[in-house]
Amino acid sequence: MKLAILSRNSKLYSTRRLVEAGRERGHSVRVLDPLRCYMRIAAGGFSLHYKGRPLTGYDAVIPRIGASVTRYATAVLRQFELMGAYTPNPSDAILRARDKLRAHQLLAAQGIDMPVTVFGDSPDDTLDLLSMLGPPPHVVKLNQGSQGNGVILTEKNSASRGVVEALRGLYADFLVQEFIGEAQGADVRCLVVGERVVAAMRRQASEGDFRANLHLGGSASAVAISDEEAAVAVRSARALGLGVAGVDLIRSQRGPLVLEVNSTPGLEGVETVARQDVAGCIIGEIERRLGGVSTADSTA
């Protein structure tokens, strides 16, 4: 097969591992910076160029799209889709996952449990909005935040109101959620590929923090997940249309709750901790979906 990986940095661990896994299985793999791709759109057909040369004949595209380039990079991915390439994570699915409000609505519509979430626009409704959520602590999250950035814990109603009013003054989009104290600063990252969880790790927040993200100093360890947790993770990815996803769960008294579904999960932490070849699983899933066939056109 002829594979493209959309990534701004070919040296990143996740990108390198996908290249290695693809080539080990005998496929042609190329890393493309999505911001260097440019496209022609016409009723008669679609075309893509990269650094002065046409991009044709790709069987599949694996997106590794950072949040800062979401709009343009998903347009490039959509162009590949319109030209007949398969992707485990379609452009529309990535956009669903990146919008936390939209993702939570779609997950809740499928009966997938999560921390109770409220959202509103008018400052006149802040007090009633917080009353819909219940007593503090509350967690305030920027709608487009990632890797734990833009997440604030407030322990009093007055603090929640102050943060909400400050963010509204900055015209920021945000959600407010209930705080799940029994999780004790830990969550479980499940790596979903296709219809199964291929690896999982438990992340623990550093002392004095409640965010378990490894980028913020959290630690990770191997973990065995229950059948219920695996089923929730797979259902969550499917609800957003993602074939590859990092689903973050917290263990609560009422069962597993979904915190977030990440469309571009990092592979380094989970491969290292769980000792699983996640990159190989992703390439294997693409092979399964495409039957291992390759196009004859090898033009780059």
Protein backbone atom coordinates (compact mmCIF):
# COMPACT_ATOMS: atom_id res chain seq x y z
CA MET A 1 0.00 0.00 0.00
CA LYS A 2 0.97 3.60 -0.46
CA LEU A 3 0.47 5.50 2.81
CA ALA A 4 0.72 9.16 3.75
CA ILE A 5 1.10 10.47 7.28
CA LEU A 6 -0.04 14.06 7.76
CA SER A 7 2.34 15.47 10.36
CA ARG A 8 4.16 18.77 10.80
CA ASN A 9 7.20 17.05 12.31
CA SER A 10 8.60 13.78 10.99
CA LYS A 11 10.83 13.46 14.07
CA LEU A 12 7.99 13.16 16.57
CA TYR A 13 7.83 9.76 18.27
CA SER A 14 4.31 8.92 17.05
CA THR A 15 5.10 9.89 13.45
CA ARG A 16 8.37 7.95 13.44
CA ARG A 17 6.71 4.83 14.85
CA LEU A 18 3.98 4.88 12.22
CA VAL A 19 6.58 5.22 9.47
CA GLU A 20 8.58 2.32 10.93
CA ALA A 21 5.52 0.12 11.34
CA GLY A 22 4.33 0.78 7.80
CA ARG A 23 7.70 0.12 6.21
CA GLU A 24 8.27 -3.02 8.29
CA ARG A 25 5.09 -4.38 6.70
CA GLY A 26 6.35 -3.59 3.21
CA HIS A 27 4.35 -0.43 2.53
CA SER A 28 5.48 2.82 0.93
CA VAL A 29 5.16 5.54 3.59
CA ARG A 30 5.66 9.29 3.23
CA VAL A 31 5.31 12.05 5.83
CA LEU A 32 3.58 15.17 4.50
CA ASP A 33 3.39 18.51 6.27
CA PRO A 34 -0.29 19.44 5.81
CA LEU A 35 0.54 23.14 5.67
CA ARG A 36 2.73 22.52 2.59
CA CYS A 37 -0.12 20.75 0.78
CA TYR A 38 -2.25 22.88 -1.52
CA MET A 39 -5.31 21.91 -3.47
CA ARG A 40 -7.40 22.50 -6.56
CA ILE A 41 -11.16 22.15 -6.18
CA ALA A 42 -13.39 21.96 -9.23
CA ALA A 43 -16.56 20.23 -10.36
CA GLY A 44 -14.46 18.11 -12.68
CA GLY A 45 -12.29 16.68 -9.91
CA PHE A 46 -9.91 17.30 -7.02
CA SER A 47 -6.14 17.49 -6.97
CA LEU A 48 -3.38 18.05 -4.43
CA HIS A 49 0.20 19.30 -4.83
CA TYR A 50 3.10 19.20 -2.38
CA LYS A 51 6.22 21.29 -2.87
CA GLY A 52 5.55 21.63 -6.58
CA ARG A 53 4.61 18.02 -7.34
CA PRO A 54 1.23 16.25 -7.54
CA LEU A 55 0.10 13.87 -4.80
CA THR A 56 -1.66 10.89 -6.35
CA GLY A 57 -2.27 7.21 -5.80
CA TYR A 58 -2.42 7.15 -2.00
CA ASP A 59 -4.35 4.21 -0.57
CA ALA A 60 -4.62 5.62 2.95
CA VAL A 61 -3.81 8.71 4.99
CA ILE A 62 -3.06 8.69 8.72
CA PRO A 63 -3.70 12.14 10.22
CA ARG A 64 -1.46 13.39 13.03
CA ILE A 65 -3.05 16.82 13.17
CA GLY A 66 -2.17 19.23 15.97
CA ALA A 67 -4.85 21.48 17.43
CA SER A 68 -3.24 24.68 16.13
CA VAL A 69 -3.61 23.61 12.47
CA THR A 70 -6.97 21.85 12.72
CA ARG A 71 -8.87 23.98 10.20
CA TYR A 72 -6.41 23.80 7.31
CA ALA A 73 -5.13 20.28 7.99
CA THR A 74 -8.63 18.80 8.07
CA ALA A 75 -9.35 20.51 4.74
CA VAL A 76 -6.27 18.77 3.29
CA LEU A 77 -7.41 15.46 4.77
CA ARG A 78 -10.89 15.98 3.28
CA GLN A 79 -9.28 16.57 -0.11
CA PHE A 80 -7.51 13.20 0.16
CA GLU A 81 -10.83 11.59 1.10
CA LEU A 82 -12.54 13.15 -1.93
CA MET A 83 -9.72 11.77 -4.08
CA GLY A 84 -10.50 8.24 -2.86
CA ALA A 85 -7.98 7.70 -0.03
CA TYR A 86 -9.07 5.85 3.10
CA THR A 87 -8.40 7.31 6.53
CA PRO A 88 -9.14 5.73 9.91
CA ASN A 89 -10.02 9.19 11.24
CA PRO A 90 -12.09 11.16 8.71
CA SER A 91 -11.87 14.94 8.70
CA ASP A 92 -15.40 15.40 10.07
CA ALA A 93 -14.71 12.96 12.93
CA ILE A 94 -11.61 14.94 13.94
CA LEU A 95 -13.66 18.14 13.98
CA ARG A 96 -16.30 16.47 16.18
CA ALA A 97 -13.67 15.35 18.68
CA ARG A 98 -11.85 18.71 18.76
CA ASP A 99 -15.04 20.54 19.76
CA LYS A 100 -15.56 19.40 23.36
CA LEU A 101 -19.14 20.70 23.52
CA ARG A 102 -20.15 18.91 20.33
CA ALA A 103 -18.36 15.73 21.40
CA HIS A 104 -20.08 15.68 24.78
CA GLN A 105 -23.48 16.15 23.17
CA LEU A 106 -22.86 13.28 20.75
CA LEU A 107 -21.56 10.97 23.48
CA ALA A 108 -24.46 11.74 25.82
CA ALA A 109 -26.93 11.10 22.98
CA GLN A 110 -25.51 7.56 22.80
CA GLY A 111 -26.03 7.04 26.54
CA ILE A 112 -22.30 7.25 27.33
CA ASP A 113 -21.81 8.55 30.86
CA MET A 114 -19.49 11.46 31.66
CA PRO A 115 -19.12 14.14 34.33
CA VAL A 116 -22.23 16.34 34.32
CA THR A 117 -21.52 19.28 32.01
CA VAL A 118 -23.10 22.72 31.64
CA PHE A 119 -22.61 25.37 28.99
CA GLY A 120 -24.07 28.84 28.50
CA ASP A 121 -23.36 32.11 26.76
CA SER A 122 -25.06 34.94 28.63
CA PRO A 123 -23.43 36.35 31.80
CA ASP A 124 -26.91 37.04 33.15
CA ASP A 125 -27.42 33.28 33.54
CA THR A 126 -24.20 32.33 35.34
CA LEU A 127 -25.73 31.69 38.76
CA ASP A 128 -28.50 29.52 37.38
CA LEU A 129 -26.03 27.74 35.11
CA LEU A 130 -23.90 26.76 38.10
CA SER A 131 -26.98 25.71 40.05
CA MET A 132 -27.81 23.28 37.20
CA LEU A 133 -24.40 21.69 37.79
CA GLY A 134 -24.58 21.38 41.55
CA PRO A 135 -22.24 22.33 44.40
CA PRO A 136 -18.50 22.84 43.86
CA PRO A 137 -15.76 21.81 43.27
CA HIS A 138 -16.20 22.52 39.56
CA VAL A 139 -13.88 21.98 36.61
CA VAL A 140 -13.80 24.72 33.97
CA LYS A 141 -12.44 23.66 30.55
CA LEU A 142 -11.69 25.65 27.44
CA ASN A 143 -13.65 24.12 24.58
CA GLN A 144 -10.59 23.87 22.32
CA GLY A 145 -7.97 23.10 24.98
CA SER A 146 -5.63 20.11 24.78
CA GLN A 147 -3.10 18.20 26.92
CA GLY A 148 -4.63 19.55 30.12
CA ASN A 149 -4.10 23.20 29.19
CA GLY A 150 -7.03 25.53 29.83
CA VAL A 151 -8.45 23.37 32.65
CA ILE A 152 -9.16 25.04 36.00
CA LEU A 153 -10.43 23.60 39.29
CA THR A 154 -12.62 25.93 41.39
CA GLU A 155 -13.54 24.99 44.95
CA LYS A 156 -16.16 27.65 45.73
CA ASN A 157 -19.17 28.98 43.85
CA SER A 158 -17.69 32.48 43.98
CA ALA A 159 -14.49 31.18 42.34
CA SER A 160 -16.49 29.36 39.66
CA ARG A 161 -18.47 32.50 38.92
CA GLY A 162 -15.31 34.62 38.78
CA VAL A 163 -13.57 32.26 36.34
CA VAL A 164 -16.68 32.00 34.15
CA GLU A 165 -17.05 35.78 34.02
CA ALA A 166 -13.34 36.25 33.26
CA LEU A 167 -13.44 33.76 30.38
CA ARG A 168 -16.58 35.36 28.99
CA GLY A 169 -14.76 38.69 29.07
CA LEU A 170 -12.09 37.11 26.86
CA TYR A 171 -14.76 35.73 24.49
CA ALA A 172 -13.53 32.18 25.20
CA ASP A 173 -15.62 29.07 24.64
CA PHE A 174 -15.66 26.83 27.70
CA LEU A 175 -17.54 24.13 29.60
CA VAL A 176 -18.09 23.65 33.32
CA GLN A 177 -18.18 20.12 34.75
CA GLU A 178 -18.67 18.35 38.03
CA PHE A 179 -15.47 17.31 39.80
CA ILE A 180 -15.11 13.57 40.43
CA GLY A 181 -13.23 13.51 43.72
CA GLU A 182 -13.04 9.74 44.10
CA ALA A 183 -10.80 9.52 41.02
CA GLN A 184 -8.06 11.11 43.16
CA GLY A 185 -6.32 12.77 40.23
CA ALA A 186 -6.10 9.61 38.11
CA ASP A 187 -7.54 8.64 34.76
CA VAL A 188 -7.21 5.76 32.32
CA ARG A 189 -6.13 6.33 28.71
CA CYS A 190 -7.50 3.63 26.39
CA LEU A 191 -6.04 3.38 22.90
CA VAL A 192 -8.84 2.28 20.58
CA VAL A 193 -7.98 0.91 17.15
CA GLY A 194 -10.93 -0.31 15.13
CA GLU A 195 -13.29 -2.22 17.37
CA ARG A 196 -10.97 -2.94 20.30
CA VAL A 197 -8.75 -1.40 22.93
CA VAL A 198 -5.20 -2.37 21.99
CA ALA A 199 -3.42 -0.75 24.95
CA ALA A 200 -4.20 1.14 28.15
CA MET A 201 -2.36 3.04 30.86
CA ARG A 202 -3.26 4.68 34.15
CA ARG A 203 -2.15 8.29 34.51
CA GLN A 204 -1.72 9.90 37.92
CA ALA A 205 -1.53 13.64 38.48
CA SER A 206 1.55 15.04 40.18
CA GLU A 207 1.25 16.15 43.80
CA GLY A 208 -0.82 19.30 44.15
CA ASP A 209 -2.45 18.95 40.73
CA PHE A 210 -5.65 17.23 39.58
CA ARG A 211 -4.76 16.90 35.87
CA ALA A 212 -3.22 13.56 34.98
CA ASN A 213 -1.70 14.59 31.64
CA LEU A 214 1.88 13.39 31.19
CA HIS A 215 2.81 16.73 29.58
CA LEU A 216 2.01 18.39 32.91
CA GLY A 217 4.19 16.11 35.03
CA GLY A 218 1.80 13.24 35.62
CA SER A 219 3.09 9.67 35.87
CA ALA A 220 1.93 6.58 33.97
CA SER A 221 1.71 2.89 34.77
CA ALA A 222 0.34 -0.24 33.14
CA VAL A 223 -3.28 -1.03 33.98
CA ALA A 224 -5.77 -3.80 33.35
CA ILE A 225 -9.15 -2.46 32.26
CA SER A 226 -12.52 -4.09 32.75
CA ASP A 227 -14.77 -5.32 29.97
CA GLU A 228 -17.11 -2.43 30.78
CA GLU A 229 -14.33 0.14 30.43
CA ALA A 230 -13.21 -1.36 27.12
CA ALA A 231 -16.78 -1.33 25.81
CA VAL A 232 -17.26 2.32 26.83
CA ALA A 233 -14.00 3.32 25.13
CA VAL A 234 -14.92 1.59 21.86
CA ARG A 235 -18.46 3.01 21.90
CA SER A 236 -17.07 6.52 22.48
CA ALA A 237 -14.70 6.32 19.50
CA ARG A 238 -17.48 4.92 17.33
CA ALA A 239 -19.92 7.65 18.40
CA LEU A 240 -17.56 10.29 17.00
CA GLY A 241 -16.64 8.25 13.91
CA LEU A 242 -13.00 7.66 14.89
CA GLY A 243 -11.14 4.49 13.97
CA VAL A 244 -8.14 5.46 16.11
CA ALA A 245 -8.68 7.31 19.38
CA GLY A 246 -7.32 7.91 22.84
CA VAL A 247 -10.31 7.69 25.17
CA ASP A 248 -9.74 9.10 28.65
CA LEU A 249 -11.88 7.54 31.39
CA ILE A 250 -12.13 8.14 35.11
CA ARG A 251 -13.24 5.51 37.55
CA SER A 252 -16.17 6.80 39.58
CA GLN A 253 -18.67 5.39 42.03
CA ARG A 254 -21.22 5.20 39.21
CA GLY A 255 -18.86 3.46 36.79
CA PRO A 256 -16.46 4.61 34.06
CA LEU A 257 -16.97 8.21 32.92
CA VAL A 258 -15.59 9.61 29.68
CA LEU A 259 -13.48 12.73 30.09
CA GLU A 260 -12.33 13.21 26.51
CA VAL A 261 -11.89 11.46 23.17
CA ASN A 262 -8.62 12.41 21.49
CA SER A 263 -8.40 12.03 17.71
CA THR A 264 -4.59 12.32 17.63
CA PRO A 265 -3.40 10.37 20.68
CA GLY A 266 0.32 10.28 21.42
CA LEU A 267 1.84 6.81 21.15
CA GLU A 268 5.04 7.17 23.17
CA GLY A 269 3.58 6.96 26.66
CA VAL A 270 1.16 4.12 26.03
CA GLU A 271 3.59 2.04 23.92
CA THR A 272 6.29 2.41 26.57
CA VAL A 273 4.07 1.68 29.56
CA ALA A 274 1.82 -0.99 28.07
CA ARG A 275 4.61 -2.50 25.93
CA GLN A 276 2.28 -2.81 22.97
CA ASP A 277 2.99 -2.12 19.30
CA VAL A 278 0.16 0.38 18.87
CA ALA A 279 1.61 1.77 15.62
CA GLY A 280 1.63 -1.74 14.17
CA CYS A 281 -1.99 -2.20 15.25
CA ILE A 282 -2.97 1.00 13.38
CA ILE A 283 -1.23 -0.16 10.18
CA GLY A 284 -2.82 -3.59 10.62
CA GLU A 285 -6.28 -2.05 10.92
CA ILE A 286 -5.74 -0.12 7.67
CA GLU A 287 -4.63 -3.36 5.98
CA ARG A 288 -7.75 -5.08 7.25
CA ARG A 289 -10.01 -2.32 6.00
CA LEU A 290 -8.37 -2.17 2.57
CA GLY A 291 -7.64 -5.86 2.17
CA GLY A 292 -3.94 -5.12 1.79
CA VAL A 293 -4.34 -3.95 -1.82
CA SER A 294 -2.21 -1.15 -3.23
CA THR A 295 -2.72 1.17 -6.16
CA ALA A 296 -0.38 0.84 -9.10
CA ASP A 297 0.30 4.57 -9.28
CA SER A 298 3.43 5.40 -7.27
CA THR A 299 3.69 9.04 -8.26
CA ALA A 300 4.61 11.25 -5.31
